[in-house]
């Protein structure tokens, strides 16, 4: 009986002595956590479902109705300041109305810039603006270059 009591007492004392060391270890872990949340080297492009993307092959411009999207994107640059690609803008002509309209393809050069902190994930930067330069034809009433703010 005495042997079991002594083993129990030694175990309790050992646990009490180790508790401060464990607390210090936990504190060190907490202090190290912000390092893991550093901002990525390059901004992301946020899609309609709030997914961050880098160099996507396709991108929906008109999230509400799907009447304008980018496809076949080939990225030549993606860095902290801007990103550039070539691709095709598929646009619905909405004639006589959008549900009955036809999609037409227009070659474009895409430029992303205006990187900023993503409000939804402050540790991530996202591009804030997209510009499309139409290289051969363009939708009716579109300028040669159109620029849109991107959602944040």
N, C-alpha and C. Protein backbone atom coordinates (compact mmCIF):
# COMPACT_ATOMS: atom_id res chain seq x y z
N UNK A 1 0.82 -1.19 0.00
CA UNK A 1 0.00 0.00 0.00
C UNK A 1 0.86 1.25 0.00
N UNK A 2 1.95 1.24 0.84
CA UNK A 2 2.85 2.38 0.93
C UNK A 2 3.50 2.63 -0.43
N UNK A 3 3.85 1.55 -1.15
CA UNK A 3 4.51 1.67 -2.45
C UNK A 3 3.61 2.40 -3.46
N UNK A 4 2.32 2.06 -3.49
CA UNK A 4 1.39 2.70 -4.43
C UNK A 4 1.17 4.17 -4.08
N UNK A 5 1.15 4.50 -2.81
CA UNK A 5 0.97 5.88 -2.37
C UNK A 5 2.17 6.71 -2.80
N UNK A 6 3.39 6.17 -2.63
CA UNK A 6 4.59 6.89 -3.01
C UNK A 6 4.65 7.09 -4.54
N UNK A 7 4.27 6.07 -5.30
CA UNK A 7 4.27 6.19 -6.77
C UNK A 7 3.29 7.27 -7.19
N UNK A 8 2.10 7.29 -6.57
CA UNK A 8 1.10 8.31 -6.88
C UNK A 8 1.59 9.70 -6.54
N UNK A 9 2.25 9.85 -5.37
CA UNK A 9 2.77 11.14 -4.93
C UNK A 9 3.87 11.62 -5.87
N UNK A 10 4.75 10.74 -6.28
CA UNK A 10 5.83 11.10 -7.20
C UNK A 10 5.24 11.51 -8.56
N UNK A 11 4.23 10.82 -9.01
CA UNK A 11 3.58 11.15 -10.28
C UNK A 11 2.96 12.54 -10.23
N UNK A 12 2.26 12.84 -9.13
CA UNK A 12 1.63 14.16 -8.98
C UNK A 12 2.68 15.25 -8.94
N UNK A 13 3.76 15.02 -8.20
CA UNK A 13 4.83 16.02 -8.11
C UNK A 13 5.49 16.24 -9.48
N UNK A 14 5.73 15.16 -10.20
CA UNK A 14 6.33 15.28 -11.53
C UNK A 14 5.43 16.07 -12.46
N UNK A 15 4.15 15.84 -12.40
CA UNK A 15 3.20 16.58 -13.24
C UNK A 15 3.20 18.06 -12.87
N UNK A 16 3.27 18.35 -11.57
CA UNK A 16 3.29 19.74 -11.12
C UNK A 16 4.56 20.44 -11.59
N UNK A 17 5.68 19.74 -11.59
CA UNK A 17 6.93 20.33 -12.05
C UNK A 17 6.95 20.53 -13.56
N UNK A 18 6.31 19.65 -14.30
CA UNK A 18 6.30 19.76 -15.75
C UNK A 18 5.28 20.78 -16.27
N UNK A 19 4.29 21.12 -15.50
CA UNK A 19 3.23 22.03 -15.95
C UNK A 19 3.78 23.37 -16.41
N UNK A 20 4.69 24.03 -15.64
CA UNK A 20 5.21 25.31 -16.13
C UNK A 20 5.97 25.16 -17.45
N UNK A 21 6.72 24.08 -17.58
CA UNK A 21 7.45 23.87 -18.83
C UNK A 21 6.48 23.69 -19.99
N UNK A 22 5.42 22.97 -19.77
CA UNK A 22 4.41 22.79 -20.82
C UNK A 22 3.77 24.13 -21.15
N UNK A 23 3.51 24.94 -20.15
CA UNK A 23 2.92 26.27 -20.39
C UNK A 23 3.85 27.13 -21.22
N UNK A 24 5.13 27.08 -20.96
CA UNK A 24 6.10 27.84 -21.73
C UNK A 24 6.12 27.36 -23.17
N UNK A 25 6.06 26.05 -23.36
CA UNK A 25 6.04 25.51 -24.70
C UNK A 25 4.81 25.97 -25.46
N UNK A 26 3.66 25.99 -24.80
CA UNK A 26 2.43 26.45 -25.44
C UNK A 26 2.53 27.91 -25.81
N UNK A 27 3.11 28.71 -24.92
CA UNK A 27 3.25 30.14 -25.20
C UNK A 27 4.15 30.35 -26.42
N UNK A 28 5.19 29.55 -26.53
CA UNK A 28 6.08 29.68 -27.68
C UNK A 28 5.33 29.34 -28.96
N UNK A 29 4.46 28.34 -28.90
CA UNK A 29 3.69 27.97 -30.08
C UNK A 29 2.76 29.10 -30.49
N UNK A 30 2.12 29.74 -29.53
CA UNK A 30 1.20 30.84 -29.82
C UNK A 30 1.95 32.00 -30.45
N UNK A 31 3.14 32.29 -29.95
CA UNK A 31 3.91 33.39 -30.51
C UNK A 31 4.35 33.11 -31.95
N UNK A 32 4.56 31.85 -32.29
CA UNK A 32 5.04 31.51 -33.62
C UNK A 32 3.92 31.52 -34.67
N UNK A 33 2.68 31.48 -34.24
CA UNK A 33 1.56 31.38 -35.18
C UNK A 33 1.50 32.51 -36.20
N UNK A 34 1.72 33.80 -35.83
CA UNK A 34 1.61 34.85 -36.84
C UNK A 34 2.60 34.69 -37.99
N UNK A 35 3.74 34.05 -37.78
CA UNK A 35 4.70 33.86 -38.86
C UNK A 35 4.07 33.05 -39.98
N UNK A 36 3.22 32.08 -39.63
CA UNK A 36 2.58 31.24 -40.64
C UNK A 36 1.55 32.01 -41.45
N UNK A 37 1.15 33.20 -41.01
CA UNK A 37 0.12 33.97 -41.70
C UNK A 37 0.70 35.09 -42.54
N UNK A 38 1.96 34.97 -42.93
CA UNK A 38 2.55 35.99 -43.80
C UNK A 38 1.79 36.07 -45.11
N UNK A 39 1.81 37.26 -45.71
CA UNK A 39 1.11 37.43 -46.98
C UNK A 39 1.87 36.69 -48.08
N UNK A 40 1.13 36.04 -48.99
CA UNK A 40 1.79 35.35 -50.08
C UNK A 40 2.55 36.33 -50.96
N UNK A 41 3.51 35.80 -51.70
CA UNK A 41 4.35 36.65 -52.54
C UNK A 41 3.55 37.31 -53.67
N UNK A 42 2.50 36.65 -54.15
CA UNK A 42 1.73 37.22 -55.25
C UNK A 42 0.25 37.31 -54.86
N UNK A 43 -0.45 38.30 -55.40
CA UNK A 43 -1.89 38.40 -55.14
C UNK A 43 -2.65 37.28 -55.84
N UNK A 44 -3.90 37.11 -55.46
CA UNK A 44 -4.78 36.11 -56.05
C UNK A 44 -5.90 36.81 -56.82
N UNK A 45 -6.58 36.04 -57.64
CA UNK A 45 -7.78 36.49 -58.32
C UNK A 45 -8.93 35.74 -57.66
N UNK A 46 -9.91 36.47 -57.13
CA UNK A 46 -11.01 35.85 -56.39
C UNK A 46 -12.17 35.59 -57.34
N UNK A 47 -12.63 34.32 -57.40
CA UNK A 47 -13.70 33.98 -58.33
C UNK A 47 -15.08 34.21 -57.70
N UNK A 48 -16.12 33.87 -58.44
CA UNK A 48 -17.50 34.11 -58.00
C UNK A 48 -17.88 33.37 -56.73
N UNK A 49 -17.19 32.28 -56.45
CA UNK A 49 -17.49 31.49 -55.24
C UNK A 49 -16.52 31.81 -54.11
N UNK A 50 -15.81 32.93 -54.22
CA UNK A 50 -14.87 33.42 -53.21
C UNK A 50 -13.67 32.50 -53.04
N UNK A 51 -13.27 31.81 -54.11
CA UNK A 51 -12.07 30.98 -54.08
C UNK A 51 -10.90 31.79 -54.63
N UNK A 52 -9.78 31.80 -53.94
CA UNK A 52 -8.60 32.48 -54.47
C UNK A 52 -7.95 31.63 -55.55
N UNK A 53 -7.60 32.26 -56.67
CA UNK A 53 -6.99 31.53 -57.77
C UNK A 53 -5.72 32.23 -58.23
N UNK A 54 -4.77 31.45 -58.69
CA UNK A 54 -3.56 31.96 -59.30
C UNK A 54 -3.47 31.33 -60.69
N UNK A 55 -3.37 32.18 -61.70
CA UNK A 55 -3.28 31.74 -63.10
C UNK A 55 -4.44 30.81 -63.53
N UNK A 56 -5.69 31.21 -63.30
CA UNK A 56 -6.80 30.33 -63.72
C UNK A 56 -6.91 30.26 -65.24
N UNK A 57 -7.39 29.13 -65.73
CA UNK A 57 -7.60 28.95 -67.17
C UNK A 57 -8.88 29.64 -67.63
N UNK A 58 -9.86 29.75 -66.74
CA UNK A 58 -11.15 30.38 -67.03
C UNK A 58 -11.52 31.30 -65.87
N UNK A 59 -12.33 32.32 -66.16
CA UNK A 59 -12.77 33.23 -65.10
C UNK A 59 -14.12 33.84 -65.49
N UNK A 60 -15.09 33.75 -64.60
CA UNK A 60 -16.42 34.31 -64.84
C UNK A 60 -16.41 35.80 -64.49
N UNK A 61 -16.74 36.64 -65.46
CA UNK A 61 -16.82 38.08 -65.22
C UNK A 61 -18.20 38.48 -64.70
N UNK A 62 -19.25 37.86 -65.22
CA UNK A 62 -20.63 38.20 -64.85
C UNK A 62 -21.16 37.11 -63.93
N UNK A 63 -20.86 37.23 -62.65
CA UNK A 63 -21.24 36.18 -61.70
C UNK A 63 -22.76 36.01 -61.60
N UNK A 64 -23.51 37.07 -61.70
CA UNK A 64 -24.95 37.00 -61.51
C UNK A 64 -25.68 36.22 -62.59
N UNK A 65 -25.31 36.43 -63.85
CA UNK A 65 -26.06 35.78 -64.94
C UNK A 65 -25.18 34.96 -65.88
N UNK A 66 -23.88 35.02 -65.72
CA UNK A 66 -22.99 34.21 -66.56
C UNK A 66 -22.89 34.66 -68.00
N UNK A 67 -23.26 35.91 -68.28
CA UNK A 67 -23.29 36.38 -69.66
C UNK A 67 -21.95 36.89 -70.19
N UNK A 68 -20.90 36.83 -69.36
CA UNK A 68 -19.57 37.20 -69.83
C UNK A 68 -18.54 36.39 -69.03
N UNK A 69 -17.68 35.69 -69.77
CA UNK A 69 -16.63 34.92 -69.09
C UNK A 69 -15.37 34.93 -69.92
N UNK A 70 -14.26 34.69 -69.25
CA UNK A 70 -12.97 34.58 -69.91
C UNK A 70 -12.62 33.10 -69.99
N UNK A 71 -12.04 32.70 -71.11
CA UNK A 71 -11.67 31.30 -71.30
C UNK A 71 -10.31 31.22 -72.00
N UNK A 72 -9.71 30.05 -71.94
CA UNK A 72 -8.43 29.78 -72.61
C UNK A 72 -7.36 30.78 -72.21
N UNK A 73 -7.33 31.14 -70.94
CA UNK A 73 -6.36 32.13 -70.48
C UNK A 73 -4.96 31.52 -70.42
N UNK A 74 -4.01 32.25 -71.00
CA UNK A 74 -2.60 31.86 -70.97
C UNK A 74 -1.82 33.02 -70.35
N UNK A 75 -1.33 32.79 -69.16
CA UNK A 75 -0.69 33.83 -68.37
C UNK A 75 0.78 33.96 -68.74
N UNK A 76 1.19 35.18 -69.06
CA UNK A 76 2.60 35.45 -69.37
C UNK A 76 3.29 36.13 -68.20
N UNK A 77 2.51 36.67 -67.26
CA UNK A 77 3.08 37.37 -66.11
C UNK A 77 2.09 37.26 -64.95
N UNK A 78 2.64 37.06 -63.74
CA UNK A 78 1.82 37.07 -62.52
C UNK A 78 2.76 37.41 -61.38
N UNK A 79 2.74 38.67 -60.94
CA UNK A 79 3.64 39.07 -59.87
C UNK A 79 2.92 39.97 -58.87
N UNK A 80 3.65 40.57 -57.98
CA UNK A 80 3.06 41.37 -56.90
C UNK A 80 2.34 42.62 -57.41
N UNK A 81 2.69 43.09 -58.60
CA UNK A 81 2.10 44.33 -59.12
C UNK A 81 0.99 44.11 -60.14
N UNK A 82 1.15 43.11 -60.99
CA UNK A 82 0.16 42.91 -62.05
C UNK A 82 0.26 41.50 -62.60
N UNK A 83 -0.72 41.16 -63.41
CA UNK A 83 -0.75 39.87 -64.11
C UNK A 83 -1.27 40.14 -65.52
N UNK A 84 -0.76 39.38 -66.49
CA UNK A 84 -1.15 39.58 -67.89
C UNK A 84 -1.39 38.23 -68.54
N UNK A 85 -2.46 38.17 -69.34
CA UNK A 85 -2.79 36.94 -70.06
C UNK A 85 -3.42 37.28 -71.41
N UNK A 86 -3.45 36.29 -72.27
CA UNK A 86 -4.25 36.37 -73.48
C UNK A 86 -5.33 35.31 -73.35
N UNK A 87 -6.44 35.54 -74.01
CA UNK A 87 -7.53 34.59 -73.94
C UNK A 87 -8.71 35.04 -74.78
N UNK A 88 -9.88 34.49 -74.44
CA UNK A 88 -11.11 34.79 -75.18
C UNK A 88 -12.17 35.24 -74.20
N UNK A 89 -12.87 36.32 -74.55
CA UNK A 89 -14.02 36.78 -73.76
C UNK A 89 -15.28 36.30 -74.49
N UNK A 90 -16.01 35.40 -73.84
CA UNK A 90 -17.29 34.91 -74.37
C UNK A 90 -18.38 35.80 -73.81
N UNK A 91 -19.11 36.49 -74.69
CA UNK A 91 -20.12 37.46 -74.27
C UNK A 91 -21.45 37.14 -74.95
N UNK A 92 -22.52 37.14 -74.16
CA UNK A 92 -23.87 36.93 -74.68
C UNK A 92 -24.36 38.24 -75.28
N UNK A 93 -24.88 38.18 -76.51
CA UNK A 93 -25.38 39.41 -77.14
C UNK A 93 -26.76 39.81 -76.61
N UNK A 94 -27.42 38.92 -75.88
CA UNK A 94 -28.73 39.21 -75.26
C UNK A 94 -29.76 39.71 -76.27
N UNK A 95 -29.73 39.19 -77.50
CA UNK A 95 -30.70 39.59 -78.52
C UNK A 95 -31.62 38.42 -78.83
N UNK A 96 -32.86 38.52 -78.75
CA UNK A 96 -33.66 39.69 -78.36
C UNK A 96 -33.67 39.91 -76.84
N UNK A 97 -33.29 38.89 -76.08
CA UNK A 97 -33.11 39.01 -74.63
C UNK A 97 -32.07 37.97 -74.23
N UNK A 98 -31.51 38.09 -73.04
CA UNK A 98 -30.34 37.27 -72.68
C UNK A 98 -30.59 35.75 -72.74
N UNK A 99 -31.78 35.30 -72.31
CA UNK A 99 -32.04 33.86 -72.33
C UNK A 99 -32.07 33.30 -73.76
N UNK A 100 -32.40 34.15 -74.72
CA UNK A 100 -32.45 33.72 -76.11
C UNK A 100 -31.22 34.17 -76.91
N UNK A 101 -30.29 34.85 -76.24
CA UNK A 101 -29.12 35.40 -76.92
C UNK A 101 -28.11 34.34 -77.32
N UNK A 102 -27.12 34.78 -78.08
CA UNK A 102 -26.05 33.90 -78.53
C UNK A 102 -24.73 34.42 -77.97
N UNK A 103 -23.84 33.48 -77.65
CA UNK A 103 -22.51 33.84 -77.16
C UNK A 103 -21.57 34.03 -78.34
N UNK A 104 -20.76 35.07 -78.25
CA UNK A 104 -19.75 35.36 -79.28
C UNK A 104 -18.40 35.44 -78.58
N UNK A 105 -17.35 35.03 -79.30
CA UNK A 105 -16.01 35.05 -78.71
C UNK A 105 -15.20 36.22 -79.28
N UNK A 106 -14.45 36.85 -78.40
CA UNK A 106 -13.61 37.98 -78.76
C UNK A 106 -12.23 37.79 -78.14
N UNK A 107 -11.17 37.77 -78.96
CA UNK A 107 -9.83 37.67 -78.38
C UNK A 107 -9.50 38.90 -77.54
N UNK A 108 -8.87 38.65 -76.39
CA UNK A 108 -8.55 39.76 -75.48
C UNK A 108 -7.16 39.56 -74.86
N UNK A 109 -6.62 40.70 -74.43
CA UNK A 109 -5.47 40.71 -73.52
C UNK A 109 -6.04 41.13 -72.18
N UNK A 110 -5.75 40.35 -71.16
CA UNK A 110 -6.28 40.59 -69.81
C UNK A 110 -5.16 41.13 -68.94
N UNK A 111 -5.46 42.17 -68.19
CA UNK A 111 -4.49 42.72 -67.23
C UNK A 111 -5.16 42.85 -65.87
N UNK A 112 -4.50 42.33 -64.84
CA UNK A 112 -4.94 42.48 -63.46
C UNK A 112 -3.96 43.41 -62.76
N UNK A 113 -4.48 44.30 -61.90
CA UNK A 113 -3.59 45.15 -61.12
C UNK A 113 -4.34 45.68 -59.90
N UNK A 114 -3.79 46.72 -59.29
CA UNK A 114 -4.38 47.33 -58.10
C UNK A 114 -4.51 46.32 -56.96
N UNK A 115 -3.42 45.63 -56.66
CA UNK A 115 -3.43 44.63 -55.58
C UNK A 115 -3.75 45.30 -54.25
N UNK A 116 -4.55 44.62 -53.45
CA UNK A 116 -4.99 45.14 -52.15
C UNK A 116 -5.27 43.99 -51.20
N UNK A 117 -5.41 44.31 -49.94
CA UNK A 117 -5.72 43.29 -48.95
C UNK A 117 -7.14 42.77 -49.19
N UNK A 118 -7.29 41.45 -49.18
CA UNK A 118 -8.60 40.83 -49.36
C UNK A 118 -9.34 40.94 -48.04
N UNK A 119 -10.47 41.65 -48.04
CA UNK A 119 -11.23 41.89 -46.81
C UNK A 119 -11.66 40.60 -46.13
N UNK A 120 -11.98 39.60 -46.90
CA UNK A 120 -12.46 38.33 -46.35
C UNK A 120 -11.34 37.54 -45.67
N UNK A 121 -10.11 37.71 -46.17
CA UNK A 121 -8.92 37.03 -45.62
C UNK A 121 -7.79 38.05 -45.57
N UNK A 122 -7.69 38.84 -44.48
CA UNK A 122 -6.72 39.93 -44.42
C UNK A 122 -5.26 39.52 -44.63
N UNK A 123 -4.93 38.25 -44.48
CA UNK A 123 -3.56 37.81 -44.71
C UNK A 123 -3.25 37.55 -46.17
N UNK A 124 -4.23 37.78 -47.06
CA UNK A 124 -4.06 37.49 -48.48
C UNK A 124 -4.29 38.77 -49.27
N UNK A 125 -3.49 38.97 -50.31
CA UNK A 125 -3.70 40.11 -51.21
C UNK A 125 -4.39 39.61 -52.46
N UNK A 126 -5.25 40.46 -53.01
CA UNK A 126 -5.97 40.12 -54.24
C UNK A 126 -5.86 41.26 -55.22
N UNK A 127 -5.95 40.93 -56.50
CA UNK A 127 -6.02 41.97 -57.51
C UNK A 127 -7.37 42.66 -57.40
N UNK A 128 -7.37 43.99 -57.55
CA UNK A 128 -8.60 44.76 -57.39
C UNK A 128 -9.21 45.29 -58.67
N UNK A 129 -8.49 45.10 -59.80
CA UNK A 129 -9.00 45.65 -61.05
C UNK A 129 -8.61 44.72 -62.20
N UNK A 130 -9.53 44.62 -63.18
CA UNK A 130 -9.26 43.84 -64.38
C UNK A 130 -9.53 44.72 -65.60
N UNK A 131 -8.63 44.66 -66.57
CA UNK A 131 -8.80 45.40 -67.83
C UNK A 131 -8.74 44.41 -68.98
N UNK A 132 -9.66 44.59 -69.92
CA UNK A 132 -9.70 43.76 -71.13
C UNK A 132 -9.42 44.65 -72.32
N UNK A 133 -8.46 44.26 -73.13
CA UNK A 133 -8.17 44.95 -74.37
C UNK A 133 -8.58 44.01 -75.50
N UNK A 134 -9.56 44.45 -76.30
CA UNK A 134 -10.07 43.63 -77.41
C UNK A 134 -9.11 43.78 -78.59
N UNK A 135 -8.62 42.64 -79.09
CA UNK A 135 -7.60 42.69 -80.14
C UNK A 135 -8.15 42.46 -81.54
N UNK A 136 -9.36 41.90 -81.66
CA UNK A 136 -9.97 41.66 -82.97
C UNK A 136 -11.48 41.61 -82.78
N UNK A 137 -12.13 42.72 -82.99
CA UNK A 137 -13.57 42.80 -82.77
C UNK A 137 -13.88 42.95 -81.29
N UNK A 138 -15.10 43.38 -81.02
CA UNK A 138 -15.54 43.54 -79.64
C UNK A 138 -17.06 43.61 -79.61
N UNK A 139 -17.65 43.36 -78.46
CA UNK A 139 -19.11 43.43 -78.36
C UNK A 139 -19.62 44.84 -78.69
N UNK A 140 -20.86 44.91 -79.19
CA UNK A 140 -21.47 46.21 -79.48
C UNK A 140 -21.41 47.10 -78.25
N UNK A 141 -21.09 48.36 -78.48
CA UNK A 141 -21.05 49.39 -77.45
C UNK A 141 -19.94 49.21 -76.42
N UNK A 142 -18.99 48.31 -76.66
CA UNK A 142 -17.84 48.16 -75.78
C UNK A 142 -16.71 49.01 -76.34
N UNK A 143 -15.94 49.62 -75.47
CA UNK A 143 -14.75 50.35 -75.88
C UNK A 143 -13.65 49.34 -76.22
N UNK A 144 -12.61 49.83 -76.87
CA UNK A 144 -11.46 48.97 -77.20
C UNK A 144 -10.83 48.38 -75.92
N UNK A 145 -10.81 49.18 -74.85
CA UNK A 145 -10.32 48.72 -73.55
C UNK A 145 -11.42 48.99 -72.53
N UNK A 146 -11.78 47.95 -71.78
CA UNK A 146 -12.76 48.12 -70.69
C UNK A 146 -12.08 47.70 -69.38
N UNK A 147 -12.41 48.43 -68.33
CA UNK A 147 -11.82 48.18 -67.03
C UNK A 147 -12.92 48.05 -66.00
N UNK A 148 -12.81 47.02 -65.17
CA UNK A 148 -13.80 46.77 -64.13
C UNK A 148 -13.11 46.62 -62.78
N UNK A 149 -13.76 47.11 -61.72
CA UNK A 149 -13.24 46.77 -60.39
C UNK A 149 -13.61 45.32 -60.07
N UNK A 150 -12.75 44.64 -59.35
CA UNK A 150 -13.03 43.28 -58.93
C UNK A 150 -13.59 43.30 -57.51
N UNK A 151 -14.46 42.34 -57.22
CA UNK A 151 -15.13 42.29 -55.92
C UNK A 151 -14.11 42.01 -54.82
N UNK A 152 -14.40 42.57 -53.64
CA UNK A 152 -13.54 42.35 -52.48
C UNK A 152 -14.44 42.00 -51.30
